[in-house]
Amino acid sequence: MPGQLPSPVFQPRRLLVRGVNWLGDSVMTTPALQRLREFFPGAHIALLAPQKLADLWRHHPSLNAVLTFAPDETPWPVARRLRAENFDTALVLPNSPRSALEVWLAGIPRRIGLARPWRNWFLSQTVPPRSAQGRMRKRPVREIQRLVRAAPDHEVHASRNPHHSRHQIHEYLHLAAALGANPEPLAPLLMTEPHEIQVARSKFGLNSQPTQAQPLLALGPGAEYGPAKRWPAERFVTAAREIQKRTHCAWLLLGGESDVPVAEEIHSALRAPNFESFNLAGKTSLRELMSLLKLCRVLLSNDSGPMHVAAALGIPVVVPFGSTSPELTAPGLPGDTHQHLLRVAVPCAPCFRRSCPIDFRCMTGISVDRVVAAVLGLLASKQ
């Protein structure tokens, strides 16, 4: 029949997918999981993931089970647990030697992963890299200085989510395609339940329903990788005030434990009569974070894990991008117009460094006015 997928040459009965270790990266694997479920509708598909990310996968339609490992756990006990599950196939999404070692120690007969030194021996099938594979190369300081000297002027511009074949989503789909799955991209997908949203609303005192007259917006001022990914806190404050003045919104400040100091700084600066904000950074579980994001109309955030979570839940995001590349790690489906990304055309970006060795021009060049306009534009488009 036209449109039907071909039957797989090999039909796994029990398929293990070794997941990746970071929140944002994990969200970007969901299109590959969806394609695997589409191609193997009758298979038992389990995901092996870090304990800290276990709740991300609750209710996910692509998975039958989630297995976890602790931060200090070595591959040997992990492999013993996997051996007891009798998997016949393993798809290894990370590029690390450890992830390939785990499935080899588990005795899984069919083990597929990207070809990489120091681990190919552990795989039964190695997958060549894509020709369009993107690279996150950290620029040396001398190279940054040379580029800036050669082209000192820069231009601020805003763009929608770029439709780019180098995006990380394509890397995981490329691996799924080695099992026969469709490599065409899908939007990342995460699931929440209505009762979870209601429980989170009650727990954090958000009992009034957000309305068009008073929308609820989220602000994510942190970024775990380092300060080079963080738009300045004082600019978040100014933007939040201006948006509240124009929309009468309430703000939720969200993030993890490492984001508490910057969230406290911003929350303190925002305190004023008739300004409603809730600082929940470091106070939520992962499921609660997801439920709270579902209550919000827009997330204004740095390039971070919660940015990816919001997009996968269908929440539009506005993101200042600096040291990282939206062509590789933009939120949502590449080309999705619900995500508004702001960048500065500077010669040294993206540099993929944790901190800026010069003047932070990639972020300071993104004005408050442009961020405010982006948020207001998304709010207007969702009415």
Foldseek 3Di string as FASTA:
>chain_A
DPPQADQFPDAWQEEEEEADAFQLRRLLLQQLLVLLCSRRVNHAYEYEYAPQCQVQCPPPPSHDYYHHDYPPDALQVLLVVLLVVQGQEYQYEDPDQRSLVNPLSNVRNAYEYADDPPHPVSHPYHAYFDPLADDQAFDDPVVLVVQCVVPVDWAWDKDFFAQACNAQSLRSLSSSCVRPTDSDGDWRATDDDPVLLVVLCVVQVVPDQADQQEFEEEEEQDAPLADLQGQDLVLVLVLLVVLCVVRVYEYEYEEAPVCVVSLVVSVVSNDDPSHHYGYCYNPDRPNSLLSVLLSGQEYEYTPHSSQQSSVNHVHQYEYEGFQDDSSHRPHIRRPDRSYMYIWMGGRCPNNSDRDDPDDSCGRVVGHSVNSNVVVVVSSVVVD
